[in-house]
Amino acid sequence: MNINISLKHINKLAIPALISGVSEPILSLTDAAIVGNIQYNATESLAAVGIVTTFMSMLIWVLGQTRSAISSIVSQYVGANKLENIKNLPAQAIFIITSLSILIIVSTYPFARTIFKLYNASNLILDYSIIYYKIRVLGFPFTLFTIAVFGAFRGLQNTYYPMIIAIIGSAANIILDIILVYGIDGYITPMNIEGAAYASVIAQILMAIFSAYFLLKKTVIPLKFSFPFNKEIKRFILMILNLFVRTIALNVTLYYASAFATSYGAEYIAAYTIAINLWFLSAFIVDGYASAGNILSGKLFGAKAYGLLITLSNKLIKYGLIIGIILGLIGALFYYPIGRVFTKEPEVLNAFYNVFWIVLVMQPLCTLAFIFDGMFKGLGKMKYLRNVLLFSTFIIFIPILFWLDSLDYKLHAIFIAITVWIIARGIPLIIKFRKMFIPLSQNN
């Protein structure tokens, strides 16, 4: 099988995936930027958005791994020219994951206060966190539905329609944020942080509707759930379980980072919110190329084209480093204006500027880790991804964070620990990939 891995083809997959991938962080960044500039209690509102965003990201990343599992299986069957054998799998996967999301809403909704106390939220920040979460979480099933549909599109080597859907959702969120948070004089009363939450939910519903429409109209994949379960459902569930454990480890990192930042005071959690959301944004930008690696590696693996897999990995290492350096330079160029987009509070800006340089320096390291993370997902090697995350979180990140915190490094402790954590994630993946596929390419 002739599979195109030219830069032009990689970009054809990566750039639309990049645009669609930034939809979720744009929802959170828009909320942060709009809420951070409201007239009353802006710092507390921004802190609440940061805390809830961290918790929501955990939920989305835990169950949103459906996308990677669906994409991996579908792309491998596309590579082997056997797509017909798994046409009913995406609908079954979507049914399972949306059912779980409803259970999570039911089980977390009554305990919102307890949950956000675990993040060290208190007083007004705690009250705002509860208000924001109880609205924002209603969009959770729609987000997971959209993510699963994106996985089916990726497996089919199509990132164009997810991009269109993401643009619709992001544009709707920005417009609704401005209208609902600030209000329209004489027509709509300002809703402040509640308005930001409602804007996100409406945008998520819109994306789910368009996802269903494009999947049904533009692909051969049905959305009707049917029995019996596809023979690959067992492999799908095993992938999900491995990714579930992996994502729990990932979110242990985010939990400790958020909890430590919150314990330092309102200005620190507000600064952390800005910095970590910008980090998420850069991660999702790189995810475009990670998605291209995911899509193409699955197809190449299905076609047993091991030599092309090595060539693809070499190209993606080069592109990843270039992208990481560019992201770092852009951040450096607009270092001070970026902070002022989110807040005008001097204490928050000072805390943010003190650590933002670390976020920029780690960008090339992040791109390599995220790209190989995507490739391993495409290959279906979820068990190894799980083990790497467990190691980098519990053996590397947590001990470093506690050590630097004891030295009173505050936000520096958090972002230095994240940098070392990223290195511990990326290097083992690159080594393992080359050990697996260089001998196979030579034999092939």
Protein backbone atom coordinates (compact mmCIF):
# COMPACT_ATOMS: atom_id res chain seq x y z
CA MET A 1 0.00 0.00 0.00
CA ASN A 2 1.31 3.45 -0.96
CA ILE A 3 0.89 5.70 2.09
CA ASN A 4 1.84 9.36 1.75
CA ILE A 5 3.98 10.73 4.61
CA SER A 6 5.21 13.89 2.88
CA LEU A 7 5.26 17.19 4.79
CA LYS A 8 2.36 18.39 2.64
CA HIS A 9 0.23 15.39 3.61
CA ILE A 10 1.25 15.59 7.28
CA ASN A 11 0.23 19.26 7.30
CA LYS A 12 -3.03 18.39 5.54
CA LEU A 13 -3.87 16.21 8.55
CA ALA A 14 -2.09 18.23 11.24
CA ILE A 15 -3.31 21.78 10.58
CA PRO A 16 -7.06 20.99 10.66
CA ALA A 17 -6.41 18.74 13.71
CA LEU A 18 -4.52 21.61 15.32
CA ILE A 19 -7.46 23.97 14.80
CA SER A 20 -10.00 21.43 16.08
CA GLY A 21 -7.75 20.47 18.99
CA VAL A 22 -7.59 23.97 20.41
CA SER A 23 -11.40 24.18 20.78
CA GLU A 24 -11.45 22.90 24.39
CA PRO A 25 -8.60 25.10 25.69
CA ILE A 26 -10.10 28.05 23.80
CA LEU A 27 -13.36 27.50 25.68
CA SER A 28 -11.44 27.66 28.97
CA LEU A 29 -9.11 30.48 27.90
CA THR A 30 -12.06 32.55 26.67
CA ASP A 31 -13.82 32.03 29.99
CA ALA A 32 -10.61 33.01 31.82
CA ALA A 33 -9.99 36.13 29.70
CA ILE A 34 -13.60 37.35 29.88
CA VAL A 35 -14.12 36.51 33.56
CA GLY A 36 -10.71 37.95 34.52
CA ASN A 37 -11.90 41.35 33.34
CA ILE A 38 -15.34 41.56 34.99
CA GLN A 39 -16.07 44.53 37.23
CA TYR A 40 -16.49 42.73 40.57
CA ASN A 41 -14.36 40.01 42.21
CA ALA A 42 -12.38 39.37 39.02
CA THR A 43 -9.47 37.62 40.77
CA GLU A 44 -11.75 35.25 42.71
CA SER A 45 -13.79 34.52 39.57
CA LEU A 46 -10.64 33.81 37.55
CA ALA A 47 -9.34 31.53 40.31
CA ALA A 48 -12.66 29.61 40.32
CA VAL A 49 -12.54 29.15 36.53
CA GLY A 50 -8.98 27.80 36.90
CA ILE A 51 -9.94 25.29 39.59
CA VAL A 52 -13.02 24.03 37.75
CA THR A 53 -11.13 23.90 34.45
CA THR A 54 -8.52 21.67 36.08
CA PHE A 55 -11.19 19.30 37.40
CA MET A 56 -13.16 19.33 34.11
CA SER A 57 -9.96 18.67 32.16
CA MET A 58 -9.41 15.63 34.37
CA LEU A 59 -12.89 14.30 33.55
CA ILE A 60 -12.55 15.04 29.83
CA TRP A 61 -9.08 13.51 29.59
CA VAL A 62 -10.10 10.39 31.50
CA LEU A 63 -13.15 9.60 29.37
CA GLY A 64 -12.05 11.49 26.27
CA GLN A 65 -9.45 8.78 25.64
CA THR A 66 -12.24 7.18 23.59
CA ARG A 67 -10.99 9.32 20.71
CA SER A 68 -7.53 7.74 20.75
CA ALA A 69 -8.88 4.19 21.08
CA ILE A 70 -11.43 4.61 18.26
CA SER A 71 -8.89 6.38 16.04
CA SER A 72 -6.27 3.66 16.62
CA ILE A 73 -8.58 0.76 15.75
CA VAL A 74 -10.26 2.47 12.79
CA SER A 75 -6.95 3.66 11.27
CA GLN A 76 -5.42 0.18 11.58
CA TYR A 77 -8.43 -1.34 9.79
CA VAL A 78 -8.21 1.36 7.12
CA GLY A 79 -4.53 0.47 6.65
CA ALA A 80 -5.44 -3.23 6.33
CA ASN A 81 -8.37 -2.41 3.95
CA LYS A 82 -10.91 -4.02 6.32
CA LEU A 83 -12.99 -1.02 7.47
CA GLU A 84 -16.26 -2.90 6.92
CA ASN A 85 -15.39 -5.19 9.86
CA ILE A 86 -15.60 -2.40 12.47
CA LYS A 87 -18.25 0.00 11.09
CA ASN A 88 -20.53 -0.51 14.11
CA LEU A 89 -17.74 -0.05 16.70
CA PRO A 90 -17.81 3.80 16.98
CA ALA A 91 -21.57 3.87 17.79
CA GLN A 92 -21.08 1.25 20.50
CA ALA A 93 -18.11 3.16 21.93
CA ILE A 94 -20.05 6.45 21.92
CA PHE A 95 -22.98 4.82 23.73
CA ILE A 96 -20.69 3.41 26.45
CA ILE A 97 -18.82 6.65 27.03
CA THR A 98 -21.83 9.00 27.07
CA SER A 99 -23.59 6.66 29.52
CA LEU A 100 -20.55 6.88 31.81
CA SER A 101 -20.55 10.68 31.54
CA ILE A 102 -24.14 10.87 32.80
CA LEU A 103 -23.21 8.65 35.77
CA ILE A 104 -20.32 11.00 36.56
CA ILE A 105 -22.60 14.05 36.52
CA VAL A 106 -25.04 12.33 38.88
CA SER A 107 -22.25 11.25 41.24
CA THR A 108 -20.31 14.57 41.34
CA TYR A 109 -23.11 17.18 41.23
CA PRO A 110 -24.22 16.83 44.88
CA PHE A 111 -20.60 16.81 46.11
CA ALA A 112 -19.27 19.87 44.27
CA ARG A 113 -18.45 21.68 47.52
CA THR A 114 -16.45 18.71 48.85
CA ILE A 115 -14.64 18.25 45.54
CA PHE A 116 -13.44 21.85 45.30
CA LYS A 117 -12.46 21.98 48.96
CA LEU A 118 -9.95 19.26 48.00
CA TYR A 119 -8.43 21.86 45.66
CA ASN A 120 -7.99 24.17 48.67
CA ALA A 121 -10.77 26.49 47.45
CA SER A 122 -12.50 28.46 50.20
CA ASN A 123 -14.85 31.40 50.80
CA LEU A 124 -15.81 33.29 47.64
CA ILE A 125 -13.54 31.21 45.37
CA LEU A 126 -15.29 28.04 46.61
CA ASP A 127 -18.75 29.54 46.05
CA TYR A 128 -17.86 30.64 42.52
CA SER A 129 -16.30 27.24 41.74
CA ILE A 130 -19.52 25.46 42.71
CA ILE A 131 -21.70 27.85 40.66
CA TYR A 132 -19.47 27.55 37.58
CA TYR A 133 -19.12 23.77 37.81
CA LYS A 134 -22.82 22.98 38.30
CA ILE A 135 -23.60 24.69 35.00
CA ARG A 136 -20.47 23.78 33.02
CA VAL A 137 -20.71 20.04 33.77
CA LEU A 138 -24.07 19.83 31.96
CA GLY A 139 -22.15 20.07 28.69
CA PHE A 140 -19.95 17.09 29.61
CA PRO A 141 -21.87 14.34 27.69
CA PHE A 142 -21.98 16.54 24.59
CA THR A 143 -18.22 17.12 24.80
CA LEU A 144 -17.51 13.39 25.07
CA PHE A 145 -19.87 12.63 22.18
CA THR A 146 -17.99 15.15 20.03
CA ILE A 147 -14.58 13.80 21.07
CA ALA A 148 -15.61 10.23 20.17
CA VAL A 149 -16.88 11.35 16.76
CA PHE A 150 -13.58 13.16 16.20
CA GLY A 151 -11.85 9.82 16.88
CA ALA A 152 -13.86 8.14 14.12
CA PHE A 153 -12.96 10.93 11.69
CA ARG A 154 -9.28 10.67 12.62
CA GLY A 155 -9.30 6.94 12.05
CA LEU A 156 -10.73 7.60 8.59
CA GLN A 157 -7.76 9.95 7.95
CA ASN A 158 -10.05 13.00 7.96
CA THR A 159 -9.37 16.01 10.18
CA TYR A 160 -11.24 18.55 8.03
CA TYR A 161 -14.74 18.09 9.45
CA PRO A 162 -13.58 18.12 13.10
CA MET A 163 -11.91 21.45 12.28
CA ILE A 164 -15.19 22.90 10.92
CA ILE A 165 -17.07 21.68 14.00
CA ALA A 166 -14.45 23.14 16.36
CA ILE A 167 -14.50 26.52 14.61
CA ILE A 168 -18.30 26.66 14.98
CA GLY A 169 -18.08 25.78 18.69
CA SER A 170 -15.23 28.19 19.49
CA ALA A 171 -16.83 31.11 17.63
CA ALA A 172 -20.17 30.50 19.37
CA ASN A 173 -18.44 30.34 22.76
CA ILE A 174 -16.57 33.62 22.30
CA ILE A 175 -19.70 35.49 21.14
CA LEU A 176 -21.88 34.02 23.90
CA ASP A 177 -19.20 34.69 26.54
CA ILE A 178 -19.15 38.40 25.73
CA ILE A 179 -22.96 38.63 25.60
CA LEU A 180 -23.75 36.58 28.72
CA VAL A 181 -20.88 37.61 31.00
CA TYR A 182 -20.98 41.35 30.33
CA GLY A 183 -24.62 41.56 29.22
CA ILE A 184 -26.20 43.95 26.73
CA ASP A 185 -27.37 47.23 28.22
CA GLY A 186 -31.16 47.31 28.31
CA TYR A 187 -31.55 43.74 27.02
CA ILE A 188 -29.47 41.17 28.92
CA THR A 189 -28.36 41.52 32.56
CA PRO A 190 -24.64 40.70 33.10
CA MET A 191 -24.37 37.09 34.39
CA ASN A 192 -20.65 37.23 35.23
CA ILE A 193 -19.18 33.77 35.94
CA GLU A 194 -22.54 32.02 35.38
CA GLY A 195 -22.69 33.53 31.89
CA ALA A 196 -19.28 32.03 31.06
CA ALA A 197 -20.50 28.59 32.12
CA TYR A 198 -23.72 28.82 30.07
CA ALA A 199 -21.76 30.00 27.02
CA SER A 200 -19.53 26.91 27.22
CA VAL A 201 -22.47 24.52 27.56
CA ILE A 202 -24.33 25.99 24.57
CA ALA A 203 -21.14 25.81 22.47
CA GLN A 204 -20.64 22.15 23.45
CA ILE A 205 -24.22 21.27 22.46
CA LEU A 206 -23.75 22.97 19.08
CA MET A 207 -20.56 21.00 18.44
CA ALA A 208 -22.29 17.71 19.28
CA ILE A 209 -25.14 18.46 16.84
CA PHE A 210 -22.75 19.29 13.99
CA SER A 211 -20.58 16.24 14.83
CA ALA A 212 -23.55 13.91 14.40
CA TYR A 213 -24.57 15.65 11.16
CA PHE A 214 -21.16 15.43 9.47
CA LEU A 215 -20.49 11.84 10.57
CA LEU A 216 -23.83 10.66 9.17
CA LYS A 217 -23.62 12.70 5.96
CA LYS A 218 -19.93 12.43 5.09
CA THR A 219 -18.88 8.92 6.20
CA VAL A 220 -20.05 5.31 6.10
CA ILE A 221 -20.02 5.12 9.91
CA PRO A 222 -23.52 4.77 11.45
CA LEU A 223 -24.51 6.28 14.81
CA LYS A 224 -27.22 3.73 15.60
CA PHE A 225 -26.25 1.51 18.53
CA SER A 226 -26.72 -2.19 17.76
CA PHE A 227 -25.98 -5.64 19.16
CA PRO A 228 -23.99 -7.84 19.13
CA PHE A 229 -20.90 -5.99 20.27
CA ASN A 230 -18.14 -5.78 17.69
CA LYS A 231 -15.28 -8.26 18.17
CA GLU A 232 -12.91 -5.29 18.73
CA ILE A 233 -14.94 -3.94 21.66
CA LYS A 234 -12.81 -5.97 24.07
CA ARG A 235 -9.59 -4.41 22.69
CA PHE A 236 -11.29 -1.00 22.78
CA ILE A 237 -12.22 -1.42 26.48
CA LEU A 238 -8.71 -2.67 27.34
CA MET A 239 -7.22 0.39 25.62
CA ILE A 240 -9.64 2.61 27.55
CA LEU A 241 -8.72 0.98 30.87
CA ASN A 242 -4.98 1.45 30.25
CA LEU A 243 -5.58 5.04 29.16
CA PHE A 244 -7.87 5.52 32.17
CA VAL A 245 -5.06 4.57 34.59
CA ARG A 246 -2.63 6.70 32.58
CA THR A 247 -4.94 9.69 32.66
CA ILE A 248 -5.52 9.32 36.40
CA ALA A 249 -1.73 9.64 36.78
CA LEU A 250 -1.78 12.68 34.48
CA ASN A 251 -4.49 14.29 36.55
CA VAL A 252 -2.69 13.55 39.82
CA THR A 253 -0.04 15.88 38.40
CA LEU A 254 -2.62 18.56 37.59
CA TYR A 255 -4.36 18.12 40.94
CA TYR A 256 -1.17 18.65 42.95
CA ALA A 257 -0.16 21.59 40.77
CA SER A 258 -3.55 23.26 41.21
CA ALA A 259 -3.84 22.47 44.93
CA PHE A 260 -0.35 23.83 45.68
CA ALA A 261 -1.01 26.98 43.64
CA THR A 262 -4.33 27.54 45.46
CA SER A 263 -2.65 27.14 48.86
CA TYR A 264 -0.28 30.03 48.04
CA GLY A 265 -3.16 32.54 47.79
CA ALA A 266 -5.69 34.03 45.34
CA GLU A 267 -3.13 35.89 43.21
CA TYR A 268 -1.06 32.72 42.78
CA ILE A 269 -3.95 30.48 41.70
CA ALA A 270 -5.09 33.24 39.32
CA ALA A 271 -1.56 33.46 37.83
CA TYR A 272 -1.35 29.67 37.68
CA THR A 273 -4.72 29.60 35.88
CA ILE A 274 -3.40 31.88 33.14
CA ALA A 275 -0.08 30.01 32.80
CA ILE A 276 -1.54 26.49 32.82
CA ASN A 277 -4.27 27.40 30.32
CA LEU A 278 -1.62 28.82 27.98
CA TRP A 279 0.30 25.58 28.49
CA PHE A 280 -2.87 23.64 27.60
CA LEU A 281 -3.28 25.81 24.49
CA SER A 282 0.25 25.08 23.29
CA ALA A 283 -0.27 21.37 24.06
CA PHE A 284 -3.39 21.31 21.91
CA ILE A 285 -1.60 23.19 19.11
CA VAL A 286 1.10 20.51 19.10
CA ASP A 287 -1.69 17.94 19.27
CA GLY A 288 -2.30 18.68 15.58
CA TYR A 289 1.02 17.02 14.73
CA ALA A 290 0.52 14.40 17.43
CA SER A 291 -2.81 13.64 15.70
CA ALA A 292 -1.10 13.33 12.32
CA GLY A 293 1.38 10.91 13.96
CA ASN A 294 -1.54 9.06 15.57
CA ILE A 295 -3.48 8.78 12.30
CA LEU A 296 -0.57 7.83 10.05
CA SER A 297 1.19 5.49 12.51
CA GLY A 298 -2.02 3.50 12.97
CA LYS A 299 -2.47 3.19 9.21
CA LEU A 300 1.20 2.30 8.61
CA PHE A 301 1.13 -0.24 11.45
CA GLY A 302 -2.03 -1.82 9.98
CA ALA A 303 -0.30 -2.00 6.60
CA LYS A 304 2.91 -3.38 8.23
CA ALA A 305 4.94 -0.55 6.61
CA TYR A 306 7.58 -0.43 9.36
CA GLY A 307 10.24 1.41 7.35
CA LEU A 308 7.82 4.24 6.67
CA LEU A 309 6.99 4.33 10.41
CA ILE A 310 10.65 5.08 11.21
CA THR A 311 10.78 7.74 8.48
CA LEU A 312 7.57 9.29 9.84
CA SER A 313 8.97 9.41 13.39
CA ASN A 314 12.17 11.13 12.20
CA LYS A 315 10.17 13.75 10.33
CA LEU A 316 7.90 14.39 13.29
CA ILE A 317 10.87 14.83 15.66
CA LYS A 318 12.21 17.56 13.35
CA TYR A 319 8.84 19.26 12.89
CA GLY A 320 8.10 19.00 16.61
CA LEU A 321 11.31 20.76 17.61
CA ILE A 322 10.69 23.55 15.07
CA ILE A 323 7.10 24.04 16.30
CA GLY A 324 8.20 24.07 19.95
CA ILE A 325 10.86 26.71 19.29
CA ILE A 326 8.38 28.85 17.33
CA LEU A 327 5.81 28.65 20.15
CA GLY A 328 8.46 29.65 22.68
CA LEU A 329 9.61 32.60 20.56
CA ILE A 330 6.05 33.86 20.00
CA GLY A 331 5.43 33.72 23.75
CA ALA A 332 8.68 35.60 24.42
CA LEU A 333 7.81 38.28 21.84
CA PHE A 334 4.41 38.96 23.42
CA TYR A 335 5.47 38.15 26.99
CA TYR A 336 3.87 41.14 28.75
CA PRO A 337 0.83 41.79 26.50
CA ILE A 338 -0.26 38.13 26.93
CA GLY A 339 -0.62 38.56 30.69
CA ARG A 340 -2.61 41.79 30.35
CA VAL A 341 -5.15 40.04 28.11
CA PHE A 342 -6.29 38.01 31.12
CA THR A 343 -6.07 40.41 34.04
CA LYS A 344 -5.11 43.92 35.09
CA GLU A 345 -4.39 42.95 38.72
CA PRO A 346 -0.71 43.86 39.45
CA GLU A 347 -0.16 41.04 42.00
CA VAL A 348 -1.51 38.41 39.58
CA LEU A 349 0.53 39.76 36.67
CA ASN A 350 3.72 39.81 38.74
CA ALA A 351 3.24 36.17 39.80
CA PHE A 352 2.47 35.16 36.19
CA TYR A 353 5.47 36.96 34.65
CA ASN A 354 7.78 35.29 37.18
CA VAL A 355 7.00 31.80 35.84
CA PHE A 356 5.76 32.21 32.25
CA TRP A 357 9.33 31.90 30.93
CA ILE A 358 9.44 28.29 32.22
CA VAL A 359 6.31 27.47 30.20
CA LEU A 360 8.04 28.88 27.10
CA VAL A 361 11.36 27.09 27.66
CA MET A 362 9.67 23.70 27.97
CA GLN A 363 7.80 24.00 24.64
CA PRO A 364 10.27 22.00 22.44
CA LEU A 365 10.35 19.26 25.10
CA CYS A 366 6.55 19.21 25.20
CA THR A 367 6.23 18.82 21.44
CA LEU A 368 8.42 15.71 21.38
CA ALA A 369 6.56 14.12 24.31
CA PHE A 370 3.12 14.88 22.86
CA ILE A 371 3.98 13.75 19.30
CA PHE A 372 5.30 10.36 20.44
CA ASP A 373 2.39 10.06 22.83
CA GLY A 374 0.14 10.40 19.77
CA MET A 375 2.11 7.84 17.79
CA PHE A 376 1.91 5.25 20.56
CA LYS A 377 -1.85 5.79 20.74
CA GLY A 378 -2.08 5.20 16.98
CA LEU A 379 -0.14 1.97 17.40
CA GLY A 380 -2.49 0.89 20.19
CA LYS A 381 0.44 0.59 22.67
CA MET A 382 -1.57 1.97 25.56
CA LYS A 383 0.02 -0.24 28.23
CA TYR A 384 3.45 1.32 27.69
CA LEU A 385 1.95 4.82 27.75
CA ARG A 386 0.33 3.93 31.07
CA ASN A 387 3.60 2.76 32.61
CA VAL A 388 5.54 5.83 31.44
CA LEU A 389 2.95 8.18 32.97
CA LEU A 390 2.90 6.30 36.27
CA PHE A 391 6.70 6.53 36.46
CA SER A 392 6.95 10.21 35.48
CA THR A 393 4.17 11.27 37.87
CA PHE A 394 4.87 9.28 41.04
CA ILE A 395 8.65 8.82 40.81
CA ILE A 396 9.57 12.14 39.17
CA PHE A 397 6.95 14.91 39.44
CA ILE A 398 5.58 14.52 42.97
CA PRO A 399 8.94 14.17 44.79
CA ILE A 400 10.39 17.17 42.88
CA LEU A 401 7.29 19.29 43.58
CA PHE A 402 7.36 18.57 47.33
CA TRP A 403 11.11 19.18 47.50
CA LEU A 404 10.98 22.54 45.67
CA ASP A 405 7.87 23.58 47.61
CA SER A 406 9.77 22.96 50.86
CA LEU A 407 12.34 25.47 49.56
CA ASP A 408 9.49 28.01 49.17
CA TYR A 409 9.75 28.18 45.36
CA LYS A 410 5.94 28.51 45.06
CA LEU A 411 4.88 28.66 41.36
CA HIS A 412 8.47 28.04 40.29
CA ALA A 413 8.28 24.69 42.11
CA ILE A 414 5.18 23.71 40.13
CA PHE A 415 6.46 24.62 36.66
CA ILE A 416 10.00 23.28 37.16
CA ALA A 417 8.47 19.97 38.30
CA ILE A 418 6.21 19.94 35.22
CA THR A 419 9.25 20.49 32.97
CA VAL A 420 11.13 17.51 34.42
CA TRP A 421 7.89 15.48 34.24
CA ILE A 422 7.65 16.23 30.50
CA ILE A 423 11.26 15.07 29.94
CA ALA A 424 10.51 11.83 31.83
CA ARG A 425 7.48 11.28 29.56
CA GLY A 426 9.16 11.95 26.21
CA ILE A 427 12.57 10.27 26.29
CA PRO A 428 11.35 6.71 27.15
CA LEU A 429 8.78 6.86 24.32
CA ILE A 430 11.39 7.80 21.71
CA ILE A 431 13.78 5.05 22.90
CA LYS A 432 11.04 2.38 23.01
CA PHE A 433 9.70 3.31 19.56
CA ARG A 434 13.11 2.98 17.94
CA LYS A 435 13.84 -0.30 19.72
CA MET A 436 10.55 -1.75 18.46
CA PHE A 437 10.52 -0.63 14.86
CA ILE A 438 14.12 -0.31 13.66
CA PRO A 439 14.60 -4.16 13.78
CA LEU A 440 11.16 -4.71 12.21
CA SER A 441 11.93 -2.26 9.38
CA GLN A 442 15.21 -4.02 8.68
CA ASN A 443 13.55 -7.44 8.60
CA ASN A 444 10.65 -6.08 6.56
